[in-house]
N, C-alpha and C. Protein backbone atom coordinates (compact mmCIF):
# COMPACT_ATOMS: atom_id res chain seq x y z
N MET A 1 12.87 -8.01 17.04
CA MET A 1 12.43 -8.69 15.84
C MET A 1 10.93 -8.97 15.90
N LYS A 2 10.44 -9.33 17.10
CA LYS A 2 9.02 -9.62 17.25
C LYS A 2 8.18 -8.39 16.90
N LYS A 3 8.69 -7.21 17.27
CA LYS A 3 7.94 -5.99 17.01
C LYS A 3 7.91 -5.66 15.52
N VAL A 4 8.99 -5.97 14.82
CA VAL A 4 9.02 -5.76 13.37
C VAL A 4 7.98 -6.65 12.72
N ILE A 5 7.95 -7.89 13.13
CA ILE A 5 6.96 -8.84 12.58
C ILE A 5 5.56 -8.37 12.92
N ALA A 6 5.36 -7.91 14.15
CA ALA A 6 4.03 -7.42 14.54
C ALA A 6 3.62 -6.23 13.68
N GLY A 7 4.56 -5.34 13.42
CA GLY A 7 4.26 -4.18 12.57
C GLY A 7 3.88 -4.59 11.17
N LEU A 8 4.61 -5.55 10.62
CA LEU A 8 4.30 -6.02 9.27
C LEU A 8 2.96 -6.75 9.24
N VAL A 9 2.65 -7.47 10.31
CA VAL A 9 1.35 -8.15 10.40
C VAL A 9 0.23 -7.11 10.43
N LEU A 10 0.42 -6.03 11.20
CA LEU A 10 -0.58 -4.97 11.24
C LEU A 10 -0.79 -4.37 9.85
N LEU A 11 0.30 -4.14 9.15
CA LEU A 11 0.20 -3.58 7.81
C LEU A 11 -0.55 -4.54 6.89
N SER A 12 -0.20 -5.80 6.95
CA SER A 12 -0.87 -6.80 6.11
C SER A 12 -2.33 -6.94 6.49
N ALA A 13 -2.60 -7.01 7.77
CA ALA A 13 -3.98 -7.19 8.22
C ALA A 13 -4.84 -6.01 7.82
N SER A 14 -4.29 -4.80 7.90
CA SER A 14 -5.09 -3.64 7.54
C SER A 14 -5.38 -3.62 6.05
N SER A 15 -4.48 -4.13 5.23
CA SER A 15 -4.75 -4.13 3.79
C SER A 15 -5.74 -5.24 3.43
N VAL A 16 -5.72 -6.36 4.15
CA VAL A 16 -6.67 -7.44 3.89
C VAL A 16 -8.04 -7.08 4.44
N ALA A 17 -8.09 -6.30 5.51
CA ALA A 17 -9.36 -5.97 6.15
C ALA A 17 -10.33 -5.30 5.20
N ASN A 18 -9.84 -4.53 4.25
CA ASN A 18 -10.73 -3.87 3.32
C ASN A 18 -10.62 -4.45 1.92
N ALA A 19 -10.10 -5.64 1.80
CA ALA A 19 -9.93 -6.23 0.47
C ALA A 19 -11.25 -6.41 -0.24
N GLY A 20 -12.33 -6.64 0.50
CA GLY A 20 -13.63 -6.85 -0.12
C GLY A 20 -14.24 -5.57 -0.65
N ALA A 21 -13.75 -4.40 -0.25
CA ALA A 21 -14.34 -3.14 -0.68
C ALA A 21 -13.94 -2.74 -2.08
N SER A 22 -12.83 -3.24 -2.59
CA SER A 22 -12.43 -2.88 -3.95
C SER A 22 -13.47 -3.38 -4.92
N GLY A 23 -13.91 -2.50 -5.78
CA GLY A 23 -14.93 -2.86 -6.76
C GLY A 23 -16.33 -2.67 -6.23
N GLY A 24 -16.46 -2.29 -4.98
CA GLY A 24 -17.77 -2.07 -4.37
C GLY A 24 -18.02 -3.01 -3.22
N ASN A 25 -18.95 -2.65 -2.37
CA ASN A 25 -19.23 -3.45 -1.18
C ASN A 25 -19.85 -4.81 -1.51
N ASP A 26 -20.49 -4.96 -2.66
CA ASP A 26 -21.15 -6.21 -3.02
C ASP A 26 -20.35 -7.00 -4.05
N CYS A 27 -19.08 -6.74 -4.15
CA CYS A 27 -18.24 -7.29 -5.20
C CYS A 27 -17.71 -8.68 -4.85
N GLY A 28 -17.93 -9.63 -5.74
CA GLY A 28 -17.32 -10.95 -5.62
C GLY A 28 -18.26 -12.05 -5.18
N TRP A 29 -17.86 -13.27 -5.50
CA TRP A 29 -18.65 -14.44 -5.13
C TRP A 29 -18.73 -14.62 -3.63
N GLY A 30 -17.68 -14.23 -2.92
CA GLY A 30 -17.70 -14.35 -1.46
C GLY A 30 -18.82 -13.53 -0.85
N GLN A 31 -19.09 -12.36 -1.43
CA GLN A 31 -20.19 -11.53 -0.95
C GLN A 31 -21.52 -12.22 -1.24
N ALA A 32 -21.64 -12.85 -2.41
CA ALA A 32 -22.88 -13.53 -2.77
C ALA A 32 -23.11 -14.77 -1.89
N LEU A 33 -22.05 -15.53 -1.65
CA LEU A 33 -22.18 -16.77 -0.86
C LEU A 33 -22.62 -16.50 0.58
N PHE A 34 -22.14 -15.39 1.14
CA PHE A 34 -22.40 -15.12 2.56
C PHE A 34 -23.33 -13.92 2.75
N GLU A 35 -24.10 -13.60 1.72
CA GLU A 35 -25.01 -12.46 1.76
C GLU A 35 -25.97 -12.58 2.94
N GLY A 36 -26.14 -11.49 3.66
CA GLY A 36 -27.07 -11.43 4.78
C GLY A 36 -26.50 -11.92 6.10
N GLN A 37 -25.33 -12.53 6.10
CA GLN A 37 -24.74 -13.04 7.34
C GLN A 37 -23.90 -11.94 8.00
N THR A 38 -23.78 -12.04 9.31
CA THR A 38 -22.99 -11.06 10.05
C THR A 38 -21.95 -11.77 10.90
N GLY A 39 -21.01 -11.01 11.39
CA GLY A 39 -19.97 -11.54 12.25
C GLY A 39 -18.67 -11.75 11.51
N PRO A 40 -17.60 -11.94 12.26
CA PRO A 40 -16.27 -12.07 11.66
C PRO A 40 -16.13 -13.28 10.73
N ALA A 41 -16.69 -14.43 11.10
CA ALA A 41 -16.48 -15.65 10.31
C ALA A 41 -16.99 -15.50 8.87
N PRO A 42 -18.23 -15.06 8.64
CA PRO A 42 -18.67 -14.91 7.25
C PRO A 42 -17.88 -13.86 6.47
N HIS A 43 -17.47 -12.80 7.16
CA HIS A 43 -16.67 -11.77 6.49
C HIS A 43 -15.32 -12.34 6.06
N VAL A 44 -14.67 -13.05 6.96
CA VAL A 44 -13.36 -13.64 6.62
C VAL A 44 -13.52 -14.67 5.51
N LEU A 45 -14.55 -15.50 5.61
CA LEU A 45 -14.78 -16.50 4.57
C LEU A 45 -15.09 -15.85 3.22
N GLY A 46 -15.88 -14.78 3.23
CA GLY A 46 -16.18 -14.06 2.00
C GLY A 46 -14.93 -13.45 1.39
N LEU A 47 -14.10 -12.82 2.22
CA LEU A 47 -12.84 -12.24 1.72
C LEU A 47 -11.90 -13.32 1.20
N THR A 48 -11.87 -14.45 1.93
CA THR A 48 -11.01 -15.55 1.50
C THR A 48 -11.48 -16.11 0.16
N THR A 49 -12.78 -16.27 0.02
CA THR A 49 -13.34 -16.75 -1.26
C THR A 49 -12.96 -15.79 -2.39
N ASN A 50 -13.15 -14.51 -2.16
CA ASN A 50 -12.80 -13.53 -3.19
C ASN A 50 -11.30 -13.53 -3.49
N GLY A 51 -10.49 -13.62 -2.45
CA GLY A 51 -9.04 -13.55 -2.63
C GLY A 51 -8.44 -14.77 -3.29
N THR A 52 -8.95 -15.96 -2.95
CA THR A 52 -8.35 -17.19 -3.49
C THR A 52 -8.82 -17.50 -4.90
N SER A 53 -10.00 -17.02 -5.26
CA SER A 53 -10.51 -17.34 -6.60
C SER A 53 -10.21 -16.26 -7.63
N GLY A 54 -9.81 -15.08 -7.18
CA GLY A 54 -9.51 -13.99 -8.12
C GLY A 54 -10.75 -13.42 -8.77
N ASN A 55 -11.92 -13.72 -8.21
CA ASN A 55 -13.15 -13.27 -8.86
C ASN A 55 -13.39 -11.77 -8.73
N ASN A 56 -12.81 -11.11 -7.72
CA ASN A 56 -12.92 -9.66 -7.63
C ASN A 56 -12.22 -9.01 -8.83
N THR A 57 -11.02 -9.48 -9.12
CA THR A 57 -10.26 -8.93 -10.24
C THR A 57 -11.03 -9.11 -11.54
N PHE A 58 -11.54 -10.31 -11.75
CA PHE A 58 -12.34 -10.59 -12.95
C PHE A 58 -13.57 -9.69 -12.97
N GLY A 59 -14.25 -9.59 -11.84
CA GLY A 59 -15.47 -8.80 -11.77
C GLY A 59 -15.25 -7.32 -12.03
N VAL A 60 -14.20 -6.76 -11.47
CA VAL A 60 -13.90 -5.35 -11.69
C VAL A 60 -13.54 -5.11 -13.15
N THR A 61 -12.76 -6.03 -13.72
CA THR A 61 -12.34 -5.89 -15.11
C THR A 61 -13.51 -5.98 -16.08
N THR A 62 -14.45 -6.88 -15.80
CA THR A 62 -15.55 -7.12 -16.74
C THR A 62 -16.85 -6.44 -16.34
N GLY A 63 -16.91 -5.90 -15.11
CA GLY A 63 -18.15 -5.29 -14.64
C GLY A 63 -19.19 -6.31 -14.22
N THR A 64 -18.75 -7.53 -13.86
CA THR A 64 -19.65 -8.58 -13.42
C THR A 64 -19.43 -8.88 -11.94
N ASN A 65 -20.08 -9.89 -11.42
CA ASN A 65 -19.94 -10.34 -10.02
C ASN A 65 -20.31 -9.25 -9.02
N GLY A 66 -21.14 -8.29 -9.43
CA GLY A 66 -21.52 -7.20 -8.53
C GLY A 66 -20.44 -6.16 -8.36
N CYS A 67 -19.42 -6.20 -9.22
CA CYS A 67 -18.26 -5.31 -9.09
C CYS A 67 -18.34 -4.14 -10.06
N SER A 68 -17.69 -3.07 -9.68
CA SER A 68 -17.63 -1.88 -10.53
C SER A 68 -16.30 -1.18 -10.29
N SER A 69 -15.78 -0.53 -11.31
CA SER A 69 -14.55 0.24 -11.15
C SER A 69 -14.85 1.73 -11.19
N SER A 70 -16.12 2.10 -11.12
CA SER A 70 -16.48 3.51 -11.23
C SER A 70 -16.41 4.25 -9.90
N GLY A 71 -16.43 3.56 -8.78
CA GLY A 71 -16.42 4.22 -7.49
C GLY A 71 -15.02 4.61 -7.03
N THR A 72 -14.96 5.38 -5.98
CA THR A 72 -13.71 5.79 -5.37
C THR A 72 -13.30 4.77 -4.32
N ILE A 73 -12.05 4.35 -4.36
CA ILE A 73 -11.55 3.40 -3.36
C ILE A 73 -11.30 4.17 -2.07
N THR A 74 -11.77 3.62 -0.97
CA THR A 74 -11.59 4.25 0.33
C THR A 74 -10.97 3.26 1.30
N TYR A 75 -10.45 3.78 2.38
CA TYR A 75 -9.86 2.95 3.42
C TYR A 75 -10.32 3.49 4.76
N GLY A 76 -10.98 2.67 5.55
CA GLY A 76 -11.52 3.11 6.82
C GLY A 76 -10.72 2.66 8.02
N GLY A 77 -9.60 2.01 7.81
CA GLY A 77 -8.81 1.51 8.92
C GLY A 77 -7.70 2.46 9.33
N GLN A 78 -6.94 2.04 10.28
CA GLN A 78 -5.83 2.82 10.80
C GLN A 78 -4.57 2.36 10.08
N ASN A 79 -3.77 3.32 9.61
CA ASN A 79 -2.55 2.89 8.93
C ASN A 79 -1.56 2.35 9.95
N MET A 80 -0.61 1.59 9.45
CA MET A 80 0.36 0.90 10.31
C MET A 80 1.15 1.88 11.15
N VAL A 81 1.56 3.01 10.58
CA VAL A 81 2.38 3.96 11.34
C VAL A 81 1.59 4.52 12.51
N SER A 82 0.30 4.79 12.33
CA SER A 82 -0.53 5.27 13.45
C SER A 82 -0.58 4.24 14.56
N ALA A 83 -0.66 2.98 14.17
CA ALA A 83 -0.80 1.90 15.15
C ALA A 83 0.42 1.78 16.05
N ILE A 84 1.59 2.16 15.55
CA ILE A 84 2.81 2.03 16.36
C ILE A 84 3.44 3.39 16.66
N MET A 85 2.65 4.46 16.56
CA MET A 85 3.20 5.82 16.68
C MET A 85 3.89 6.07 18.02
N ASN A 86 3.30 5.63 19.12
CA ASN A 86 3.93 5.87 20.42
C ASN A 86 5.30 5.21 20.51
N GLU A 87 5.38 3.97 20.08
CA GLU A 87 6.66 3.26 20.10
C GLU A 87 7.65 3.90 19.12
N PHE A 88 7.14 4.32 17.96
CA PHE A 88 7.99 4.98 16.97
C PHE A 88 8.58 6.27 17.54
N THR A 89 7.76 7.05 18.25
CA THR A 89 8.23 8.29 18.86
C THR A 89 9.39 8.01 19.82
N GLU A 90 9.24 7.00 20.65
CA GLU A 90 10.29 6.64 21.60
C GLU A 90 11.56 6.18 20.87
N ASP A 91 11.39 5.39 19.82
CA ASP A 91 12.55 4.90 19.07
C ASP A 91 13.28 6.05 18.37
N VAL A 92 12.54 7.01 17.82
CA VAL A 92 13.18 8.16 17.17
C VAL A 92 13.98 8.95 18.21
N ALA A 93 13.42 9.12 19.39
CA ALA A 93 14.12 9.84 20.45
C ALA A 93 15.43 9.14 20.83
N ARG A 94 15.43 7.81 20.83
CA ARG A 94 16.64 7.03 21.15
C ARG A 94 17.57 6.89 19.95
N GLY A 95 17.00 6.95 18.75
CA GLY A 95 17.79 6.76 17.54
C GLY A 95 17.91 5.32 17.10
N GLU A 96 17.11 4.44 17.69
CA GLU A 96 17.12 3.03 17.33
C GLU A 96 15.89 2.35 17.90
N GLY A 97 15.56 1.20 17.33
CA GLY A 97 14.45 0.42 17.86
C GLY A 97 13.66 -0.27 16.77
N ASP A 98 12.83 -1.20 17.22
CA ASP A 98 12.06 -2.03 16.29
C ASP A 98 11.02 -1.23 15.51
N ALA A 99 10.34 -0.29 16.16
CA ALA A 99 9.33 0.50 15.45
C ALA A 99 9.98 1.38 14.39
N LEU A 100 11.11 1.95 14.72
CA LEU A 100 11.86 2.77 13.75
C LEU A 100 12.29 1.92 12.56
N ASN A 101 12.74 0.74 12.83
CA ASN A 101 13.14 -0.19 11.77
C ASN A 101 11.93 -0.62 10.93
N THR A 102 10.78 -0.84 11.58
CA THR A 102 9.57 -1.23 10.87
C THR A 102 9.13 -0.15 9.90
N VAL A 103 9.16 1.11 10.34
CA VAL A 103 8.77 2.21 9.46
C VAL A 103 9.75 2.31 8.28
N ALA A 104 11.03 2.10 8.53
CA ALA A 104 12.01 2.09 7.44
C ALA A 104 11.67 1.00 6.43
N ILE A 105 11.29 -0.16 6.91
CA ILE A 105 10.92 -1.27 6.03
C ILE A 105 9.68 -0.91 5.22
N VAL A 106 8.69 -0.29 5.85
CA VAL A 106 7.47 0.12 5.15
C VAL A 106 7.81 1.07 4.00
N TYR A 107 8.77 1.94 4.22
CA TYR A 107 9.20 2.87 3.17
C TYR A 107 10.15 2.23 2.16
N GLY A 108 10.47 0.95 2.35
CA GLY A 108 11.32 0.25 1.40
C GLY A 108 12.80 0.52 1.57
N VAL A 109 13.20 1.06 2.71
CA VAL A 109 14.61 1.36 2.96
C VAL A 109 15.37 0.05 3.10
N LYS A 110 16.39 -0.10 2.28
CA LYS A 110 17.19 -1.32 2.30
C LYS A 110 18.01 -1.40 3.59
N GLN A 111 18.37 -2.63 3.94
CA GLN A 111 19.12 -2.90 5.18
C GLN A 111 20.33 -1.97 5.32
N GLU A 112 21.07 -1.79 4.24
CA GLU A 112 22.30 -0.99 4.33
C GLU A 112 22.03 0.50 4.57
N ASP A 113 20.79 0.96 4.38
CA ASP A 113 20.47 2.37 4.59
C ASP A 113 19.62 2.62 5.84
N ARG A 114 19.30 1.59 6.57
CA ARG A 114 18.42 1.75 7.74
C ARG A 114 19.09 2.52 8.87
N LYS A 115 20.39 2.38 9.01
CA LYS A 115 21.10 3.16 10.04
C LYS A 115 21.02 4.65 9.69
N VAL A 116 21.19 4.97 8.42
CA VAL A 116 21.08 6.36 7.97
C VAL A 116 19.66 6.88 8.23
N PHE A 117 18.66 6.06 7.91
CA PHE A 117 17.26 6.43 8.16
C PHE A 117 17.08 6.75 9.64
N ALA A 118 17.57 5.88 10.51
CA ALA A 118 17.44 6.09 11.96
C ALA A 118 18.14 7.37 12.40
N GLU A 119 19.31 7.62 11.86
CA GLU A 119 20.06 8.84 12.22
C GLU A 119 19.32 10.09 11.77
N VAL A 120 18.81 10.09 10.55
CA VAL A 120 18.10 11.26 10.03
C VAL A 120 16.85 11.52 10.86
N MET A 121 16.11 10.48 11.19
CA MET A 121 14.90 10.65 11.99
C MET A 121 15.26 11.17 13.39
N HIS A 122 16.29 10.59 13.99
CA HIS A 122 16.72 10.99 15.34
C HIS A 122 17.17 12.45 15.36
N GLU A 123 17.97 12.83 14.38
CA GLU A 123 18.48 14.21 14.31
C GLU A 123 17.37 15.23 14.06
N ASN A 124 16.24 14.77 13.54
CA ASN A 124 15.14 15.66 13.21
C ASN A 124 13.89 15.39 14.05
N PHE A 125 14.11 14.94 15.27
CA PHE A 125 13.00 14.64 16.17
C PHE A 125 12.02 15.81 16.26
N ALA A 126 12.55 17.02 16.42
CA ALA A 126 11.70 18.20 16.58
C ALA A 126 10.89 18.51 15.31
N VAL A 127 11.40 18.10 14.16
CA VAL A 127 10.66 18.29 12.90
C VAL A 127 9.51 17.29 12.83
N LEU A 128 9.79 16.06 13.22
CA LEU A 128 8.77 15.00 13.19
C LEU A 128 7.69 15.23 14.23
N PHE A 129 8.10 15.71 15.38
CA PHE A 129 7.18 15.86 16.51
C PHE A 129 7.26 17.29 17.05
N PRO A 130 6.72 18.27 16.29
CA PRO A 130 6.82 19.67 16.71
C PRO A 130 6.01 19.98 17.98
N ASP A 131 4.99 19.17 18.23
CA ASP A 131 4.22 19.30 19.46
C ASP A 131 3.59 17.96 19.79
N GLU A 132 2.96 17.87 20.95
CA GLU A 132 2.40 16.58 21.38
C GLU A 132 1.13 16.20 20.65
N ASP A 133 0.56 17.12 19.87
CA ASP A 133 -0.67 16.83 19.15
C ASP A 133 -0.45 16.45 17.69
N VAL A 134 0.79 16.20 17.30
CA VAL A 134 1.06 15.84 15.90
C VAL A 134 0.35 14.53 15.58
N THR A 135 -0.24 14.48 14.39
CA THR A 135 -0.94 13.26 13.96
C THR A 135 0.03 12.36 13.18
N ALA A 136 -0.37 11.12 13.01
CA ALA A 136 0.45 10.20 12.22
C ALA A 136 0.58 10.68 10.78
N ALA A 137 -0.50 11.24 10.24
CA ALA A 137 -0.46 11.74 8.86
C ALA A 137 0.53 12.89 8.73
N GLU A 138 0.52 13.81 9.67
CA GLU A 138 1.47 14.93 9.65
C GLU A 138 2.90 14.42 9.79
N MET A 139 3.09 13.46 10.69
CA MET A 139 4.42 12.90 10.90
C MET A 139 4.92 12.20 9.64
N MET A 140 4.04 11.48 8.95
CA MET A 140 4.45 10.78 7.74
C MET A 140 4.86 11.76 6.64
N VAL A 141 4.17 12.89 6.55
CA VAL A 141 4.57 13.92 5.59
C VAL A 141 5.97 14.41 5.93
N SER A 142 6.23 14.62 7.22
CA SER A 142 7.56 15.07 7.65
C SER A 142 8.63 14.02 7.36
N ILE A 143 8.31 12.74 7.59
CA ILE A 143 9.25 11.66 7.28
C ILE A 143 9.63 11.71 5.81
N GLU A 144 8.63 11.83 4.95
CA GLU A 144 8.89 11.84 3.51
C GLU A 144 9.68 13.08 3.08
N GLU A 145 9.39 14.23 3.69
CA GLU A 145 10.15 15.44 3.37
C GLU A 145 11.61 15.30 3.80
N LEU A 146 11.83 14.72 4.96
CA LEU A 146 13.21 14.49 5.43
C LEU A 146 13.94 13.52 4.52
N MET A 147 13.24 12.49 4.09
CA MET A 147 13.86 11.51 3.20
C MET A 147 14.19 12.14 1.84
N LYS A 148 13.28 12.97 1.31
CA LYS A 148 13.53 13.64 0.02
C LYS A 148 14.72 14.57 0.11
N ALA A 149 14.90 15.19 1.26
CA ALA A 149 15.98 16.16 1.44
C ALA A 149 17.34 15.51 1.67
N ASP A 150 17.35 14.23 1.98
CA ASP A 150 18.61 13.52 2.24
C ASP A 150 19.04 12.75 0.99
N ALA A 151 20.24 13.03 0.52
CA ALA A 151 20.74 12.41 -0.72
C ALA A 151 20.81 10.89 -0.62
N ARG A 152 20.98 10.35 0.59
CA ARG A 152 21.09 8.91 0.76
C ARG A 152 19.73 8.22 0.83
N LEU A 153 18.68 8.97 1.17
CA LEU A 153 17.36 8.39 1.37
C LEU A 153 16.34 8.79 0.30
N ASN A 154 16.65 9.80 -0.49
CA ASN A 154 15.65 10.30 -1.43
C ASN A 154 15.25 9.28 -2.50
N LYS A 155 16.05 8.27 -2.70
CA LYS A 155 15.71 7.23 -3.69
C LYS A 155 14.52 6.37 -3.24
N TYR A 156 14.15 6.48 -1.96
CA TYR A 156 13.05 5.66 -1.44
C TYR A 156 11.69 6.37 -1.46
N VAL A 157 11.67 7.63 -1.81
CA VAL A 157 10.41 8.37 -1.89
C VAL A 157 10.23 8.89 -3.30
N VAL A 158 9.03 8.73 -3.80
CA VAL A 158 8.74 9.13 -5.17
C VAL A 158 8.28 10.56 -5.22
């Protein structure tokens, strides 16, 4: 259970880590309040200011607060599945485990279908991990293809 929580925390933390980038790097009152400062504390305080006041949303919508909706949204962090890939690989080989359950949760697999998810992943280990150099992105494509091909899991992938 601790590993599931840790996985969800990683997912949440990675999405909050770049929350200030939406609308542009200078978007929001938090950026204005802490302009020119460096280090984790001003960044966290700036993100918190933007997140709690909703001024990024207002700024992107109205084109104010240094925000713009014309740029491309990017993400420079590591996705959650990459962060737990080694543990996920081991869990798929066993057919059970916290990392396997965490990935099922990330894909929105309901409790009653998680055993099926684990079985499908376990039975297709060689598809998920065709060689030792497989990347998390390649593995995630394989996960989604396996889910689409399974009548019980295809409802979880669009």
